[in-house]
PDB file of N, CA and C in Angstrom:
ATOM      1  N   MET A   1     -58.585  27.124 212.892  1.00  0.00           N
ATOM      2  CA  MET A   1     -57.307  27.478 212.401  1.00  0.00           C
ATOM      3  C   MET A   1     -56.279  26.480 212.902  1.00  0.00           C
ATOM      4  N   SER A   2     -55.768  25.814 212.013  1.00  0.00           N
ATOM      5  CA  SER A   2     -54.781  24.809 212.379  1.00  0.00           C
ATOM      6  C   SER A   2     -53.379  25.366 212.193  1.00  0.00           C
ATOM      7  N   SER A   3     -52.496  24.930 213.079  1.00  0.00           N
ATOM      8  CA  SER A   3     -51.121  25.396 212.970  1.00  0.00           C
ATOM      9  C   SER A   3     -50.372  24.474 212.013  1.00  0.00           C
ATOM     10  N   PRO A   4     -49.469  25.003 211.298  1.00  0.00           N
ATOM     11  CA  PRO A   4     -48.735  24.153 210.357  1.00  0.00           C
ATOM     12  C   PRO A   4     -47.814  23.194 211.114  1.00  0.00           C
ATOM     13  N   VAL A   5     -47.759  22.004 210.633  1.00  0.00           N
ATOM     14  CA  VAL A   5     -46.915  20.967 211.242  1.00  0.00           C
ATOM     15  C   VAL A   5     -45.586  20.955 210.508  1.00  0.00           C
ATOM     16  N   SER A   6     -44.505  21.035 211.271  1.00  0.00           N
ATOM     17  CA  SER A   6     -43.193  21.027 210.630  1.00  0.00           C
ATOM     18  C   SER A   6     -42.789  19.581 210.321  1.00  0.00           C
ATOM     19  N   PRO A   7     -42.154  19.372 209.209  1.00  0.00           N
ATOM     20  CA  PRO A   7     -41.724  18.011 208.852  1.00  0.00           C
ATOM     21  C   PRO A   7     -40.610  17.552 209.789  1.00  0.00           C
ATOM     22  N   PRO A   8     -40.494  16.246 209.996  1.00  0.00           N
ATOM     23  CA  PRO A   8     -39.419  15.754 210.872  1.00  0.00           C
ATOM     24  C   PRO A   8     -38.049  16.050 210.264  1.00  0.00           C
ATOM     25  N   PRO A   9     -37.045  16.210 211.119  1.00  0.00           N
ATOM     26  CA  PRO A   9     -35.701  16.485 210.598  1.00  0.00           C
ATOM     27  C   PRO A   9     -35.175  15.265 209.848  1.00  0.00           C
ATOM     28  N   PRO A  10     -34.236  15.443 208.966  1.00  0.00           N
ATOM     29  CA  PRO A  10     -33.658  14.309 208.235  1.00  0.00           C
ATOM     30  C   PRO A  10     -33.022  13.305 209.190  1.00  0.00           C
ATOM     31  N   ALA A  11     -32.994  12.072 208.763  1.00  0.00           N
ATOM     32  CA  ALA A  11     -32.500  10.992 209.615  1.00  0.00           C
ATOM     33  C   ALA A  11     -31.030  11.143 209.958  1.00  0.00           C
ATOM     34  N   SER A  12     -30.263  11.745 209.086  1.00  0.00           N
ATOM     35  CA  SER A  12     -28.822  11.850 209.336  1.00  0.00           C
ATOM     36  C   SER A  12     -28.507  12.753 210.524  1.00  0.00           C
ATOM     37  N   THR A  13     -29.379  13.703 210.829  1.00  0.00           N
ATOM     38  CA  THR A  13     -29.108  14.598 211.954  1.00  0.00           C
ATOM     39  C   THR A  13     -29.636  14.036 213.270  1.00  0.00           C
ATOM     40  N   THR A  14     -30.595  13.073 213.234  1.00  0.00           N
ATOM     41  CA  THR A  14     -31.156  12.549 214.479  1.00  0.00           C
ATOM     42  C   THR A  14     -30.349  11.391 215.039  1.00  0.00           C
ATOM     43  N   THR A  15     -29.732  10.594 214.210  1.00  0.00           N
ATOM     44  CA  THR A  15     -28.957   9.455 214.707  1.00  0.00           C
ATOM     45  C   THR A  15     -27.492   9.848 214.761  1.00  0.00           C
ATOM     46  N   ARG A  16     -26.969   9.825 215.960  1.00  0.00           N
ATOM     47  CA  ARG A  16     -25.548  10.111 216.121  1.00  0.00           C
ATOM     48  C   ARG A  16     -24.838   8.800 216.404  1.00  0.00           C
ATOM     49  N   SER A  17     -23.717   8.634 215.865  1.00  0.00           N
ATOM     50  CA  SER A  17     -22.921   7.435 216.093  1.00  0.00           C
ATOM     51  C   SER A  17     -22.160   7.592 217.405  1.00  0.00           C
ATOM     52  N   LEU A  18     -22.182   6.541 218.195  1.00  0.00           N
ATOM     53  CA  LEU A  18     -21.442   6.576 219.461  1.00  0.00           C
ATOM     54  C   LEU A  18     -19.969   6.342 219.187  1.00  0.00           C
ATOM     55  N   PRO A  19     -19.113   6.955 219.975  1.00  0.00           N
ATOM     56  CA  PRO A  19     -17.676   6.714 219.787  1.00  0.00           C
ATOM     57  C   PRO A  19     -17.326   5.271 220.146  1.00  0.00           C
ATOM     58  N   PRO A  20     -16.265   4.730 219.568  1.00  0.00           N
ATOM     59  CA  PRO A  20     -15.883   3.327 219.835  1.00  0.00           C
ATOM     60  C   PRO A  20     -15.643   3.041 221.313  1.00  0.00           C
ATOM     61  N   ALA A  21     -15.146   4.019 222.057  1.00  0.00           N
ATOM     62  CA  ALA A  21     -14.909   3.795 223.491  1.00  0.00           C
ATOM     63  C   ALA A  21     -16.223   3.526 224.219  1.00  0.00           C
ATOM     64  N   ARG A  22     -17.275   4.210 223.820  1.00  0.00           N
ATOM     65  CA  ARG A  22     -18.585   4.016 224.450  1.00  0.00           C
ATOM     66  C   ARG A  22     -19.117   2.611 224.123  1.00  0.00           C
ATOM     67  N   TRP A  23     -18.965   2.196 222.845  1.00  0.00           N
ATOM     68  CA  TRP A  23     -19.408   0.845 222.463  1.00  0.00           C
ATOM     69  C   TRP A  23     -18.628  -0.220 223.231  1.00  0.00           C
ATOM     70  N   LEU A  24     -17.340   0.023 223.409  1.00  0.00           N
ATOM     71  CA  LEU A  24     -16.513  -0.925 224.159  1.00  0.00           C
ATOM     72  C   LEU A  24     -16.979  -1.017 225.602  1.00  0.00           C
ATOM     73  N   ARG A  25     -17.303   0.115 226.213  1.00  0.00           N
ATOM     74  CA  ARG A  25     -17.797   0.115 227.595  1.00  0.00           C
ATOM     75  C   ARG A  25     -19.127  -0.633 227.701  1.00  0.00           C
ATOM     76  N   ILE A  26     -20.034  -0.401 226.758  1.00  0.00           N
ATOM     77  CA  ILE A  26     -21.321  -1.107 226.761  1.00  0.00           C
ATOM     78  C   ILE A  26     -21.101  -2.608 226.608  1.00  0.00           C
ATOM     79  N   GLY A  27     -20.219  -2.976 225.693  1.00  0.00           N
ATOM     80  CA  GLY A  27     -19.926  -4.399 225.483  1.00  0.00           C
ATOM     81  C   GLY A  27     -19.321  -5.049 226.716  1.00  0.00           C
ATOM     82  N   LEU A  28     -18.402  -4.347 227.365  1.00  0.00           N
ATOM     83  CA  LEU A  28     -17.783  -4.902 228.575  1.00  0.00           C
ATOM     84  C   LEU A  28     -18.793  -5.036 229.715  1.00  0.00           C
ATOM     85  N   LEU A  29     -19.690  -4.072 229.848  1.00  0.00           N
ATOM     86  CA  LEU A  29     -20.716  -4.161 230.885  1.00  0.00           C
ATOM     87  C   LEU A  29     -21.669  -5.332 230.614  1.00  0.00           C
ATOM     88  N   LEU A  30     -22.047  -5.515 229.366  1.00  0.00           N
ATOM     89  CA  LEU A  30     -22.905  -6.655 229.023  1.00  0.00           C
ATOM     90  C   LEU A  30     -22.192  -7.979 229.276  1.00  0.00           C
ATOM     91  N   PHE A  31     -20.897  -8.028 228.927  1.00  0.00           N
ATOM     92  CA  PHE A  31     -20.123  -9.244 229.166  1.00  0.00           C
ATOM     93  C   PHE A  31     -20.000  -9.528 230.663  1.00  0.00           C
ATOM     94  N   ALA A  32     -19.781  -8.493 231.466  1.00  0.00           N
ATOM     95  CA  ALA A  32     -19.678  -8.679 232.920  1.00  0.00           C
ATOM     96  C   ALA A  32     -21.007  -9.160 233.500  1.00  0.00           C
ATOM     97  N   ALA A  33     -22.118  -8.609 233.015  1.00  0.00           N
ATOM     98  CA  ALA A  33     -23.430  -9.045 233.509  1.00  0.00           C
ATOM     99  C   ALA A  33     -23.696 -10.494 233.128  1.00  0.00           C
ATOM    100  N   LEU A  34     -23.345 -10.868 231.911  1.00  0.00           N
ATOM    101  CA  LEU A  34     -23.533 -12.248 231.465  1.00  0.00           C
ATOM    102  C   LEU A  34     -22.663 -13.207 232.264  1.00  0.00           C
ATOM    103  N   THR A  35     -21.412 -12.825 232.500  1.00  0.00           N
ATOM    104  CA  THR A  35     -20.508 -13.669 233.286  1.00  0.00           C
ATOM    105  C   THR A  35     -21.018 -13.838 234.710  1.00  0.00           C
ATOM    106  N   LEU A  36     -21.496 -12.764 235.307  1.00  0.00           N
ATOM    107  CA  LEU A  36     -22.041 -12.842 236.663  1.00  0.00           C
ATOM    108  C   LEU A  36     -23.266 -13.755 236.708  1.00  0.00           C
ATOM    109  N   ALA A  37     -24.153 -13.624 235.740  1.00  0.00           N
ATOM    110  CA  ALA A  37     -25.361 -14.453 235.712  1.00  0.00           C
ATOM    111  C   ALA A  37     -25.008 -15.930 235.538  1.00  0.00           C
ATOM    112  N   LEU A  38     -24.089 -16.232 234.636  1.00  0.00           N
ATOM    113  CA  LEU A  38     -23.703 -17.629 234.429  1.00  0.00           C
ATOM    114  C   LEU A  38     -22.963 -18.194 235.635  1.00  0.00           C
ATOM    115  N   GLY A  39     -22.143 -17.371 236.278  1.00  0.00           N
ATOM    116  CA  GLY A  39     -21.442 -17.820 237.480  1.00  0.00           C
ATOM    117  C   GLY A  39     -22.406 -18.138 238.610  1.00  0.00           C
ATOM    118  N   LEU A  40     -23.408 -17.276 238.805  1.00  0.00           N
ATOM    119  CA  LEU A  40     -24.405 -17.543 239.845  1.00  0.00           C
ATOM    120  C   LEU A  40     -25.231 -18.776 239.527  1.00  0.00           C
ATOM    121  N   GLN A  41     -25.547 -18.968 238.262  1.00  0.00           N
ATOM    122  CA  GLN A  41     -26.305 -20.162 237.870  1.00  0.00           C
ATOM    123  C   GLN A  41     -25.486 -21.419 238.132  1.00  0.00           C
ATOM    124  N   ALA A  42     -24.199 -21.393 237.836  1.00  0.00           N
ATOM    125  CA  ALA A  42     -23.338 -22.545 238.106  1.00  0.00           C
ATOM    126  C   ALA A  42     -23.240 -22.816 239.603  1.00  0.00           C
ATOM    127  N   LEU A  43     -23.128 -21.757 240.389  1.00  0.00           N
ATOM    128  CA  LEU A  43     -23.056 -21.914 241.851  1.00  0.00           C
ATOM    129  C   LEU A  43     -24.336 -22.545 242.398  1.00  0.00           C
ATOM    130  N   LEU A  44     -25.479 -22.082 241.917  1.00  0.00           N
ATOM    131  CA  LEU A  44     -26.753 -22.659 242.362  1.00  0.00           C
ATOM    132  C   LEU A  44     -26.876 -24.119 241.944  1.00  0.00           C
ATOM    133  N   LEU A  45     -26.389 -24.443 240.757  1.00  0.00           N
ATOM    134  CA  LEU A  45     -26.455 -25.821 240.284  1.00  0.00           C
ATOM    135  C   LEU A  45     -25.585 -26.741 241.143  1.00  0.00           C
ATOM    136  N   VAL A  46     -24.387 -26.294 241.481  1.00  0.00           N
ATOM    137  CA  VAL A  46     -23.500 -27.100 242.333  1.00  0.00           C
ATOM    138  C   VAL A  46     -24.114 -27.271 243.716  1.00  0.00           C
ATOM    139  N   HIS A  47     -24.705 -26.201 244.257  1.00  0.00           N
ATOM    140  CA  HIS A  47     -25.334 -26.281 245.577  1.00  0.00           C
ATOM    141  C   HIS A  47     -26.502 -27.258 245.561  1.00  0.00           C
ATOM    142  N   LYS A  48     -27.320 -27.199 244.522  1.00  0.00           N
ATOM    143  CA  LYS A  48     -28.472 -28.088 244.412  1.00  0.00           C
ATOM    144  C   LYS A  48     -28.008 -29.530 244.242  1.00  0.00           C
ATOM    145  N   GLU A  49     -26.941 -29.732 243.473  1.00  0.00           N
ATOM    146  CA  GLU A  49     -26.408 -31.081 243.282  1.00  0.00           C
ATOM    147  C   GLU A  49     -25.907 -31.658 244.602  1.00  0.00           C
ATOM    148  N   GLY A  50     -25.266 -30.821 245.415  1.00  0.00           N
ATOM    149  CA  GLY A  50     -24.797 -31.273 246.725  1.00  0.00           C
ATOM    150  C   GLY A  50     -25.947 -31.683 247.623  1.00  0.00           C
ATOM    151  N   GLU A  51     -27.035 -30.901 247.594  1.00  0.00           N
ATOM    152  CA  GLU A  51     -28.216 -31.261 248.387  1.00  0.00           C
ATOM    153  C   GLU A  51     -28.815 -32.587 247.918  1.00  0.00           C
ATOM    154  N   LEU A  52     -28.877 -32.769 246.601  1.00  0.00           N
ATOM    155  CA  LEU A  52     -29.442 -34.009 246.069  1.00  0.00           C
ATOM    156  C   LEU A  52     -28.574 -35.212 246.438  1.00  0.00           C
ATOM    157  N   LEU A  53     -27.251 -35.034 246.382  1.00  0.00           N
ATOM    158  CA  LEU A  53     -26.366 -36.139 246.753  1.00  0.00           C
ATOM    159  C   LEU A  53     -26.490 -36.473 248.237  1.00  0.00           C
ATOM    160  N   SER A  54     -26.629 -35.460 249.076  1.00  0.00           N
ATOM    161  CA  SER A  54     -26.814 -35.707 250.512  1.00  0.00           C
ATOM    162  C   SER A  54     -28.127 -36.438 250.775  1.00  0.00           C
ATOM    163  N   ALA A  55     -29.185 -36.018 250.099  1.00  0.00           N
ATOM    164  CA  ALA A  55     -30.478 -36.674 250.280  1.00  0.00           C
ATOM    165  C   ALA A  55     -30.429 -38.115 249.784  1.00  0.00           C
ATOM    166  N   LEU A  56     -29.733 -38.339 248.669  1.00  0.00           N
ATOM    167  CA  LEU A  56     -29.609 -39.696 248.137  1.00  0.00           C
ATOM    168  C   LEU A  56     -28.820 -40.581 249.090  1.00  0.00           C
ATOM    169  N   THR A  57     -27.749 -40.047 249.662  1.00  0.00           N
ATOM    170  CA  THR A  57     -26.942 -40.814 250.608  1.00  0.00           C
ATOM    171  C   THR A  57     -27.756 -41.157 251.853  1.00  0.00           C
ATOM    172  N   ALA A  58     -28.493 -40.195 252.369  1.00  0.00           N
ATOM    173  CA  ALA A  58     -29.329 -40.453 253.544  1.00  0.00           C
ATOM    174  C   ALA A  58     -30.403 -41.490 253.227  1.00  0.00           C
ATOM    175  N   SER A  59     -30.949 -41.437 252.046  1.00  0.00           N
ATOM    176  CA  SER A  59     -31.964 -42.404 251.652  1.00  0.00           C
ATOM    177  C   SER A  59     -31.375 -43.810 251.575  1.00  0.00           C
ATOM    178  N   ARG A  60     -30.199 -43.908 250.995  1.00  0.00           N
ATOM    179  CA  ARG A  60     -29.559 -45.236 250.881  1.00  0.00           C
ATOM    180  C   ARG A  60     -29.165 -45.783 252.256  1.00  0.00           C
ATOM    181  N   ILE A  61     -28.745 -44.906 253.168  1.00  0.00           N
ATOM    182  CA  ILE A  61     -28.426 -45.355 254.525  1.00  0.00           C
ATOM    183  C   ILE A  61     -29.689 -45.868 255.206  1.00  0.00           C
ATOM    184  N   GLY A  62     -30.800 -45.160 255.023  1.00  0.00           N
ATOM    185  CA  GLY A  62     -32.072 -45.599 255.606  1.00  0.00           C
ATOM    186  C   GLY A  62     -32.513 -46.942 255.045  1.00  0.00           C
ATOM    187  N   ILE A  63     -32.341 -47.126 253.746  1.00  0.00           N
ATOM    188  CA  ILE A  63     -32.716 -48.404 253.126  1.00  0.00           C
ATOM    189  C   ILE A  63     -31.836 -49.524 253.668  1.00  0.00           C
ATOM    190  N   ALA A  64     -30.518 -49.266 253.771  1.00  0.00           N
ATOM    191  CA  ALA A  64     -29.612 -50.293 254.293  1.00  0.00           C
ATOM    192  C   ALA A  64     -29.958 -50.642 255.740  1.00  0.00           C
ATOM    193  N   ALA A  65     -30.266 -49.639 256.553  1.00  0.00           N
ATOM    194  CA  ALA A  65     -30.627 -49.905 257.950  1.00  0.00           C
ATOM    195  C   ALA A  65     -31.924 -50.700 258.025  1.00  0.00           C
ATOM    196  N   ASP A  66     -32.854 -50.401 257.147  1.00  0.00           N
ATOM    197  CA  ASP A  66     -34.114 -51.145 257.127  1.00  0.00           C
ATOM    198  C   ASP A  66     -33.876 -52.583 256.683  1.00  0.00           C
ATOM    199  N   GLU A  67     -32.951 -52.790 255.750  1.00  0.00           N
ATOM    200  CA  GLU A  67     -32.634 -54.148 255.301  1.00  0.00           C
ATOM    201  C   GLU A  67     -31.990 -54.960 256.421  1.00  0.00           C
ATOM    202  N   VAL A  68     -31.122 -54.325 257.221  1.00  0.00           N
ATOM    203  CA  VAL A  68     -30.501 -55.026 258.346  1.00  0.00           C
ATOM    204  C   VAL A  68     -31.573 -55.425 259.350  1.00  0.00           C
ATOM    205  N   ASN A  69     -32.481 -54.504 259.641  1.00  0.00           N
ATOM    206  CA  ASN A  69     -33.559 -54.796 260.583  1.00  0.00           C
ATOM    207  C   ASN A  69     -34.438 -55.936 260.052  1.00  0.00           C
ATOM    208  N   ALA A  70     -34.772 -55.873 258.777  1.00  0.00           N
ATOM    209  CA  ALA A  70     -35.600 -56.928 258.180  1.00  0.00           C
ATOM    210  C   ALA A  70     -34.876 -58.272 258.186  1.00  0.00           C
ATOM    211  N   THR A  71     -33.561 -58.254 257.984  1.00  0.00           N
ATOM    212  CA  THR A  71     -32.785 -59.496 258.003  1.00  0.00           C
ATOM    213  C   THR A  71     -32.791 -60.112 259.392  1.00  0.00           C
ATOM    214  N   PHE A  72     -32.608 -59.282 260.422  1.00  0.00           N
ATOM    215  CA  PHE A  72     -32.650 -59.815 261.789  1.00  0.00           C
ATOM    216  C   PHE A  72     -34.046 -60.359 262.118  1.00  0.00           C
ATOM    217  N   ARG A  73     -35.094 -59.669 261.676  1.00  0.00           N
ATOM    218  CA  ARG A  73     -36.460 -60.163 261.920  1.00  0.00           C
ATOM    219  C   ARG A  73     -36.706 -61.486 261.208  1.00  0.00           C
ATOM    220  N   ARG A  74     -36.244 -61.572 259.962  1.00  0.00           N
ATOM    221  CA  ARG A  74     -36.418 -62.798 259.197  1.00  0.00           C
ATOM    222  C   ARG A  74     -35.648 -63.953 259.848  1.00  0.00           C
ATOM    223  N   GLY A  75     -34.441 -63.644 260.322  1.00  0.00           N
ATOM    224  CA  GLY A  75     -33.655 -64.678 261.005  1.00  0.00           C
ATOM    225  C   GLY A  75     -34.328 -65.119 262.286  1.00  0.00           C
ATOM    226  N   ALA A  76     -34.910 -64.179 263.023  1.00  0.00           N
ATOM    227  CA  ALA A  76     -35.591 -64.526 264.274  1.00  0.00           C
ATOM    228  C   ALA A  76     -36.818 -65.379 264.003  1.00  0.00           C
ATOM    229  N   THR A  77     -37.533 -65.109 262.928  1.00  0.00           N
ATOM    230  CA  THR A  77     -38.716 -65.946 262.619  1.00  0.00           C
ATOM    231  C   THR A  77     -38.309 -67.332 262.163  1.00  0.00           C
ATOM    232  N   ASN A  78     -37.097 -67.472 261.629  1.00  0.00           N
ATOM    233  CA  ASN A  78     -36.617 -68.795 261.214  1.00  0.00           C
ATOM    234  C   ASN A  78     -35.903 -69.536 262.335  1.00  0.00           C
ATOM    235  N   GLY A  79     -35.862 -68.940 263.518  1.00  0.00           N
ATOM    236  CA  GLY A  79     -35.280 -69.622 264.667  1.00  0.00           C
ATOM    237  C   GLY A  79     -33.835 -69.292 264.921  1.00  0.00           C
ATOM    238  N   LEU A  80     -33.287 -68.279 264.276  1.00  0.00           N
ATOM    239  CA  LEU A  80     -31.900 -67.892 264.475  1.00  0.00           C
ATOM    240  C   LEU A  80     -31.805 -67.057 265.749  1.00  0.00           C
ATOM    241  N   THR A  81     -30.888 -67.400 266.629  1.00  0.00           N
ATOM    242  CA  THR A  81     -30.728 -66.632 267.866  1.00  0.00           C
ATOM    243  C   THR A  81     -29.814 -65.429 267.611  1.00  0.00           C
ATOM    244  N   LEU A  82     -29.781 -64.528 268.585  1.00  0.00           N
ATOM    245  CA  LEU A  82     -28.960 -63.326 268.443  1.00  0.00           C
ATOM    246  C   LEU A  82     -27.479 -63.696 268.387  1.00  0.00           C
ATOM    247  N   ALA A  83     -27.048 -64.667 269.163  1.00  0.00           N
ATOM    248  CA  ALA A  83     -25.640 -65.082 269.152  1.00  0.00           C
ATOM    249  C   ALA A  83     -25.271 -65.669 267.793  1.00  0.00           C
ATOM    250  N   GLU A  84     -26.166 -66.422 267.202  1.00  0.00           N
ATOM    251  CA  GLU A  84     -25.892 -66.985 265.871  1.00  0.00           C
ATOM    252  C   GLU A  84     -25.865 -65.884 264.814  1.00  0.00           C
ATOM    253  N   SER A  85     -26.725 -64.891 264.971  1.00  0.00           N
ATOM    254  CA  SER A  85     -26.737 -63.768 264.026  1.00  0.00           C
ATOM    255  C   SER A  85     -25.431 -62.996 264.080  1.00  0.00           C
ATOM    256  N   ARG A  86     -24.906 -62.794 265.289  1.00  0.00           N
ATOM    257  CA  ARG A  86     -23.632 -62.087 265.417  1.00  0.00           C
ATOM    258  C   ARG A  86     -22.498 -62.908 264.824  1.00  0.00           C
ATOM    259  N   GLY A  87     -22.553 -64.194 264.989  1.00  0.00           N
ATOM    260  CA  GLY A  87     -21.520 -65.059 264.399  1.00  0.00           C
ATOM    261  C   GLY A  87     -21.533 -64.989 262.876  1.00  0.00           C
ATOM    262  N   ILE A  88     -22.720 -64.965 262.306  1.00  0.00           N
ATOM    263  CA  ILE A  88     -22.817 -64.842 260.848  1.00  0.00           C
ATOM    264  C   ILE A  88     -22.313 -63.476 260.406  1.00  0.00           C
ATOM    265  N   GLY A  89     -22.622 -62.437 261.184  1.00  0.00           N
ATOM    266  CA  GLY A  89     -22.157 -61.095 260.859  1.00  0.00           C
ATOM    267  C   GLY A  89     -20.648 -60.993 260.858  1.00  0.00           C
ATOM    268  N   ARG A  90     -19.982 -61.703 261.770  1.00  0.00           N
ATOM    269  CA  ARG A  90     -18.514 -61.683 261.802  1.00  0.00           C
ATOM    270  C   ARG A  90     -17.924 -62.431 260.623  1.00  0.00           C
ATOM    271  N   MET A  91     -18.649 -63.414 260.099  1.00  0.00           N
ATOM    272  CA  MET A  91     -18.126 -64.197 258.979  1.00  0.00           C
ATOM    273  C   MET A  91     -18.346 -63.497 257.630  1.00  0.00           C
ATOM    274  N   LEU A  92     -19.231 -62.540 257.555  1.00  0.00           N
ATOM    275  CA  LEU A  92     -19.537 -61.897 256.278  1.00  0.00           C
ATOM    276  C   LEU A  92     -18.363 -61.159 255.644  1.00  0.00           C
ATOM    277  N   PRO A  93     -17.540 -60.416 256.398  1.00  0.00           N
ATOM    278  CA  PRO A  93     -16.439 -59.725 255.727  1.00  0.00           C
ATOM    279  C   PRO A  93     -15.406 -60.666 255.101  1.00  0.00           C
ATOM    280  N   ARG A  94     -15.290 -61.872 255.630  1.00  0.00           N
ATOM    281  CA  ARG A  94     -14.300 -62.816 255.092  1.00  0.00           C
ATOM    282  C   ARG A  94     -14.586 -63.200 253.645  1.00  0.00           C
ATOM    283  N   PRO A  95     -15.778 -63.635 253.291  1.00  0.00           N
ATOM    284  CA  PRO A  95     -15.995 -63.999 251.882  1.00  0.00           C
ATOM    285  C   PRO A  95     -15.853 -62.806 250.927  1.00  0.00           C
ATOM    286  N   THR A  96     -16.265 -61.617 251.359  1.00  0.00           N
ATOM    287  CA  THR A  96     -16.167 -60.456 250.463  1.00  0.00           C
ATOM    288  C   THR A  96     -14.708 -60.062 250.242  1.00  0.00           C
ATOM    289  N   SER A  97     -13.866 -60.195 251.278  1.00  0.00           N
ATOM    290  CA  SER A  97     -12.450 -59.856 251.093  1.00  0.00           C
ATOM    291  C   SER A  97     -11.723 -60.959 250.334  1.00  0.00           C
ATOM    292  N   ALA A  98     -12.196 -62.199 250.451  1.00  0.00           N
ATOM    293  CA  ALA A  98     -11.581 -63.290 249.727  1.00  0.00           C
ATOM    294  C   ALA A  98     -11.868 -63.200 248.220  1.00  0.00           C
ATOM    295  N   CYS A  99     -13.041 -62.648 247.866  1.00  0.00           N
ATOM    296  CA  CYS A  99     -13.403 -62.541 246.449  1.00  0.00           C
ATOM    297  C   CYS A  99     -12.678 -61.376 245.770  1.00  0.00           C
ATOM    298  N   ALA A 100     -12.300 -60.376 246.523  1.00  0.00           N
ATOM    299  CA  ALA A 100     -11.689 -59.179 245.913  1.00  0.00           C
ATOM    300  C   ALA A 100     -10.256 -59.372 245.556  1.00  0.00           C
TER     301      ALA A 100
END
């Protein structure tokens, strides 16, 4: 014995329209969530960019220091003394300032 199955109610009675104030609240909450997410993403991007710039600066300083060391070694192998190297170092800013 099977029980009779009642038909579903008409669609007009099951879907209720939300009042405009409710839609406005939902829209504002979605907008606030989107703004918060984009703001956090921008903050993370700026932070990551700062880290990359710091790492790049440190890398360039290391390369420059290595070049100075290599220059002194090369000068020493060519017979340049430390006093002569310092004299050349003092003369270097003059040509660069004269060209500018």
